[in-house]
Amino acid sequence: MIDAEIKGIITTKYARVKQLIEDHIPHMKAIVEVLLEKETLDSAEFDVILARVNKDLGLSSDDGNKDDKDTGLPPESQSFLMVQDHSNHASRREAR
């Protein structure tokens, strides 16, 4: 009974993650292209890449009122970006 519930949870989450990856292949490819040239990206550059891909895909409208942290990604991905941004700030403080 518990094994079946756990299997159901894992199967559902696996499908969700697989779909997120498939949905964001264009974003990942664009990021890889830049990383092959530059080797590093800061959060502003990352946001610009995501915004460009979203615009190319017609996923976001540029109405001039867009928040600079709005990437057009689902909330799960946005929270990941915020965690990455906070860890980058912590690393900069440690380096000082």
N, C-alpha and C. Protein backbone atom coordinates (compact mmCIF):
# COMPACT_ATOMS: atom_id res chain seq x y z
N MET A 1 0.82 -1.18 0.00
CA MET A 1 0.00 0.00 0.00
C MET A 1 0.88 1.26 0.00
N ILE A 2 1.82 1.34 0.92
CA ILE A 2 2.73 2.49 0.94
C ILE A 2 3.62 2.48 -0.29
N ASP A 3 4.08 1.29 -0.70
CA ASP A 3 4.91 1.19 -1.90
C ASP A 3 4.19 1.72 -3.13
N ALA A 4 2.91 1.43 -3.25
CA ALA A 4 2.13 1.90 -4.39
C ALA A 4 1.99 3.42 -4.35
N GLU A 5 1.79 3.99 -3.16
CA GLU A 5 1.68 5.44 -3.03
C GLU A 5 3.00 6.12 -3.39
N ILE A 6 4.10 5.56 -2.89
CA ILE A 6 5.43 6.12 -3.20
C ILE A 6 5.70 6.03 -4.69
N LYS A 7 5.38 4.88 -5.28
CA LYS A 7 5.59 4.73 -6.73
C LYS A 7 4.76 5.76 -7.50
N GLY A 8 3.53 6.01 -7.05
CA GLY A 8 2.69 7.01 -7.71
C GLY A 8 3.28 8.41 -7.61
N ILE A 9 3.79 8.75 -6.44
CA ILE A 9 4.41 10.07 -6.24
C ILE A 9 5.63 10.22 -7.14
N ILE A 10 6.49 9.20 -7.14
CA ILE A 10 7.71 9.26 -7.95
C ILE A 10 7.36 9.34 -9.44
N THR A 11 6.39 8.56 -9.87
CA THR A 11 6.00 8.56 -11.28
C THR A 11 5.46 9.94 -11.69
N THR A 12 4.64 10.53 -10.83
CA THR A 12 4.07 11.85 -11.12
C THR A 12 5.16 12.91 -11.18
N LYS A 13 6.05 12.91 -10.19
CA LYS A 13 7.12 13.92 -10.16
C LYS A 13 8.09 13.73 -11.33
N TYR A 14 8.39 12.48 -11.68
CA TYR A 14 9.26 12.21 -12.83
C TYR A 14 8.66 12.80 -14.10
N ALA A 15 7.37 12.58 -14.30
CA ALA A 15 6.71 13.11 -15.50
C ALA A 15 6.74 14.63 -15.52
N ARG A 16 6.56 15.25 -14.35
CA ARG A 16 6.58 16.72 -14.26
C ARG A 16 7.97 17.27 -14.60
N VAL A 17 9.00 16.65 -14.04
CA VAL A 17 10.37 17.11 -14.31
C VAL A 17 10.73 16.91 -15.77
N LYS A 18 10.35 15.76 -16.32
CA LYS A 18 10.63 15.48 -17.73
C LYS A 18 9.95 16.52 -18.62
N GLN A 19 8.71 16.89 -18.29
CA GLN A 19 8.00 17.89 -19.08
C GLN A 19 8.65 19.26 -18.95
N LEU A 20 9.09 19.64 -17.75
CA LEU A 20 9.78 20.92 -17.56
C LEU A 20 11.05 20.98 -18.40
N ILE A 21 11.81 19.90 -18.41
CA ILE A 21 13.04 19.87 -19.21
C ILE A 21 12.72 20.00 -20.69
N GLU A 22 11.72 19.23 -21.16
CA GLU A 22 11.35 19.29 -22.57
C GLU A 22 10.84 20.69 -22.95
N ASP A 23 10.07 21.31 -22.05
CA ASP A 23 9.52 22.63 -22.34
C ASP A 23 10.60 23.71 -22.41
N HIS A 24 11.72 23.48 -21.75
CA HIS A 24 12.75 24.52 -21.66
C HIS A 24 14.03 24.19 -22.43
N ILE A 25 13.94 23.26 -23.36
CA ILE A 25 15.11 22.94 -24.19
C ILE A 25 15.63 24.18 -24.93
N PRO A 26 14.76 25.02 -25.51
CA PRO A 26 15.29 26.21 -26.18
C PRO A 26 16.07 27.13 -25.23
N HIS A 27 15.59 27.24 -24.00
CA HIS A 27 16.27 28.07 -23.01
C HIS A 27 17.65 27.49 -22.69
N MET A 28 17.68 26.18 -22.49
CA MET A 28 18.95 25.52 -22.16
C MET A 28 19.95 25.64 -23.31
N LYS A 29 19.48 25.47 -24.53
CA LYS A 29 20.37 25.57 -25.69
C LYS A 29 20.95 26.98 -25.81
N ALA A 30 20.12 27.99 -25.59
CA ALA A 30 20.60 29.38 -25.68
C ALA A 30 21.64 29.66 -24.60
N ILE A 31 21.40 29.15 -23.40
CA ILE A 31 22.35 29.35 -22.30
C ILE A 31 23.66 28.64 -22.60
N VAL A 32 23.59 27.43 -23.13
CA VAL A 32 24.80 26.67 -23.46
C VAL A 32 25.62 27.40 -24.52
N GLU A 33 24.95 27.96 -25.53
CA GLU A 33 25.67 28.70 -26.58
C GLU A 33 26.51 29.83 -25.99
N VAL A 34 25.92 30.57 -25.08
CA VAL A 34 26.64 31.70 -24.46
C VAL A 34 27.74 31.18 -23.54
N LEU A 35 27.44 30.14 -22.78
CA LEU A 35 28.45 29.61 -21.86
C LEU A 35 29.66 29.04 -22.59
N LEU A 36 29.45 28.50 -23.78
CA LEU A 36 30.59 28.00 -24.56
C LEU A 36 31.53 29.13 -24.98
N GLU A 37 30.98 30.32 -25.14
CA GLU A 37 31.80 31.47 -25.50
C GLU A 37 32.39 32.17 -24.28
N LYS A 38 31.58 32.34 -23.22
CA LYS A 38 31.98 33.18 -22.10
C LYS A 38 32.42 32.41 -20.85
N GLU A 39 31.95 31.20 -20.68
CA GLU A 39 32.22 30.33 -19.54
C GLU A 39 31.47 30.70 -18.27
N THR A 40 31.06 31.95 -18.10
CA THR A 40 30.28 32.34 -16.93
C THR A 40 29.18 33.31 -17.33
N LEU A 41 28.12 33.34 -16.53
CA LEU A 41 27.02 34.28 -16.72
C LEU A 41 26.64 34.85 -15.37
N ASP A 42 26.31 36.13 -15.34
CA ASP A 42 25.73 36.66 -14.11
C ASP A 42 24.21 36.61 -14.26
N SER A 43 23.51 36.94 -13.20
CA SER A 43 22.05 36.78 -13.23
C SER A 43 21.40 37.71 -14.25
N ALA A 44 21.95 38.88 -14.46
CA ALA A 44 21.37 39.81 -15.44
C ALA A 44 21.50 39.23 -16.86
N GLU A 45 22.66 38.67 -17.17
CA GLU A 45 22.85 38.07 -18.50
C GLU A 45 21.92 36.88 -18.67
N PHE A 46 21.78 36.09 -17.62
CA PHE A 46 20.89 34.93 -17.65
C PHE A 46 19.45 35.37 -17.93
N ASP A 47 19.01 36.41 -17.23
CA ASP A 47 17.65 36.93 -17.42
C ASP A 47 17.44 37.43 -18.84
N VAL A 48 18.45 38.09 -19.41
CA VAL A 48 18.34 38.60 -20.78
C VAL A 48 18.19 37.44 -21.77
N ILE A 49 18.96 36.39 -21.57
CA ILE A 49 18.87 35.21 -22.45
C ILE A 49 17.48 34.61 -22.37
N LEU A 50 16.99 34.41 -21.15
CA LEU A 50 15.66 33.81 -20.98
C LEU A 50 14.58 34.70 -21.60
N ALA A 51 14.68 35.99 -21.40
CA ALA A 51 13.69 36.91 -21.96
C ALA A 51 13.71 36.87 -23.49
N ARG A 52 14.92 36.81 -24.06
CA ARG A 52 15.04 36.74 -25.52
C ARG A 52 14.40 35.47 -26.07
N VAL A 53 14.70 34.34 -25.44
CA VAL A 53 14.12 33.07 -25.90
C VAL A 53 12.61 33.10 -25.73
N ASN A 54 12.13 33.58 -24.59
CA ASN A 54 10.68 33.68 -24.39
C ASN A 54 10.02 34.53 -25.45
N LYS A 55 10.66 35.66 -25.79
CA LYS A 55 10.11 36.54 -26.82
C LYS A 55 10.10 35.83 -28.18
N ASP A 56 11.22 35.15 -28.50
CA ASP A 56 11.31 34.42 -29.76
C ASP A 56 10.23 33.34 -29.87
N LEU A 57 9.90 32.74 -28.73
CA LEU A 57 8.90 31.67 -28.69
C LEU A 57 7.48 32.21 -28.53
N GLY A 58 7.37 33.53 -28.34
CA GLY A 58 6.06 34.13 -28.13
C GLY A 58 5.47 33.82 -26.76
N LEU A 59 6.34 33.55 -25.79
CA LEU A 59 5.86 33.18 -24.46
C LEU A 59 5.63 34.36 -23.54
N SER A 60 6.16 35.51 -23.90
CA SER A 60 5.96 36.69 -23.05
C SER A 60 5.74 37.90 -23.93
N SER A 61 4.97 38.82 -23.41
CA SER A 61 4.76 40.06 -24.15
C SER A 61 5.61 41.14 -23.53
N ASP A 62 6.20 41.95 -24.35
CA ASP A 62 7.03 43.04 -23.85
C ASP A 62 6.19 44.31 -23.87
N ASP A 63 5.53 44.57 -22.72
CA ASP A 63 4.65 45.72 -22.67
C ASP A 63 5.28 46.92 -21.99
N GLY A 64 6.56 46.83 -21.65
CA GLY A 64 7.25 47.93 -21.02
C GLY A 64 7.08 47.98 -19.52
N ASN A 65 6.14 47.22 -18.98
CA ASN A 65 5.91 47.19 -17.54
C ASN A 65 6.44 45.92 -16.91
N LYS A 66 7.27 45.23 -17.60
CA LYS A 66 7.75 43.93 -17.15
C LYS A 66 8.77 44.10 -16.03
N ASP A 67 8.58 43.34 -14.96
CA ASP A 67 9.52 43.33 -13.84
C ASP A 67 10.81 42.65 -14.32
N ASP A 68 11.97 43.18 -13.95
CA ASP A 68 13.23 42.63 -14.44
C ASP A 68 13.50 41.22 -13.89
N LYS A 69 12.76 40.78 -12.89
CA LYS A 69 12.92 39.42 -12.37
C LYS A 69 11.91 38.46 -12.99
N ASP A 70 10.98 38.94 -13.82
CA ASP A 70 9.98 38.09 -14.44
C ASP A 70 10.61 37.44 -15.66
N THR A 71 10.90 36.15 -15.56
CA THR A 71 11.57 35.45 -16.65
C THR A 71 10.60 34.74 -17.57
N GLY A 72 9.32 34.66 -17.18
CA GLY A 72 8.38 33.91 -17.98
C GLY A 72 8.43 32.43 -17.69
N LEU A 73 9.28 32.03 -16.75
CA LEU A 73 9.38 30.63 -16.37
C LEU A 73 8.35 30.29 -15.32
N PRO A 74 8.04 29.00 -15.15
CA PRO A 74 7.11 28.62 -14.10
C PRO A 74 7.69 28.94 -12.73
N PRO A 75 6.86 29.04 -11.70
CA PRO A 75 7.33 29.40 -10.36
C PRO A 75 8.45 28.51 -9.85
N GLU A 76 8.43 27.22 -10.17
CA GLU A 76 9.49 26.33 -9.71
C GLU A 76 10.85 26.78 -10.22
N SER A 77 10.90 27.17 -11.48
CA SER A 77 12.16 27.60 -12.07
C SER A 77 12.57 28.97 -11.55
N GLN A 78 11.60 29.86 -11.34
CA GLN A 78 11.93 31.18 -10.81
C GLN A 78 12.52 31.08 -9.42
N SER A 79 11.97 30.17 -8.59
CA SER A 79 12.52 30.04 -7.24
C SER A 79 13.94 29.48 -7.31
N PHE A 80 14.21 28.61 -8.27
CA PHE A 80 15.57 28.11 -8.45
C PHE A 80 16.51 29.25 -8.80
N LEU A 81 16.07 30.14 -9.67
CA LEU A 81 16.90 31.27 -10.05
C LEU A 81 17.15 32.19 -8.86
N MET A 82 16.13 32.38 -8.01
CA MET A 82 16.31 33.24 -6.85
C MET A 82 17.31 32.61 -5.88
N VAL A 83 17.26 31.29 -5.70
CA VAL A 83 18.23 30.61 -4.83
C VAL A 83 19.63 30.78 -5.39
N GLN A 84 19.78 30.62 -6.70
CA GLN A 84 21.08 30.78 -7.33
C GLN A 84 21.58 32.22 -7.15
N ASP A 85 20.69 33.19 -7.31
CA ASP A 85 21.07 34.58 -7.17
C ASP A 85 21.53 34.87 -5.74
N HIS A 86 20.82 34.34 -4.75
CA HIS A 86 21.21 34.54 -3.35
C HIS A 86 22.56 33.89 -3.06
N SER A 87 22.80 32.70 -3.62
CA SER A 87 24.09 32.03 -3.37
C SER A 87 25.22 32.80 -4.03
N ASN A 88 24.95 33.43 -5.17
CA ASN A 88 25.98 34.25 -5.82
C ASN A 88 26.33 35.45 -4.96
N HIS A 89 25.32 36.07 -4.35
CA HIS A 89 25.58 37.21 -3.47
C HIS A 89 26.39 36.79 -2.25
N ALA A 90 26.07 35.62 -1.71
CA ALA A 90 26.82 35.13 -0.55
C ALA A 90 28.27 34.87 -0.93
N SER A 91 28.50 34.31 -2.10
CA SER A 91 29.87 34.04 -2.55
C SER A 91 30.66 35.33 -2.72
N ARG A 92 29.99 36.37 -3.23
CA ARG A 92 30.67 37.67 -3.41
C ARG A 92 31.04 38.26 -2.06
N ARG A 93 30.15 38.13 -1.07
CA ARG A 93 30.45 38.67 0.26
C ARG A 93 31.63 37.93 0.88
N GLU A 94 31.71 36.61 0.71
CA GLU A 94 32.80 35.83 1.26
C GLU A 94 34.12 36.19 0.61
N ALA A 95 34.08 36.54 -0.67
CA ALA A 95 35.29 36.86 -1.42
C ALA A 95 35.91 38.18 -0.97
N ARG A 96 35.11 39.05 -0.37
CA ARG A 96 35.59 40.37 0.05
C ARG A 96 36.46 40.29 1.22
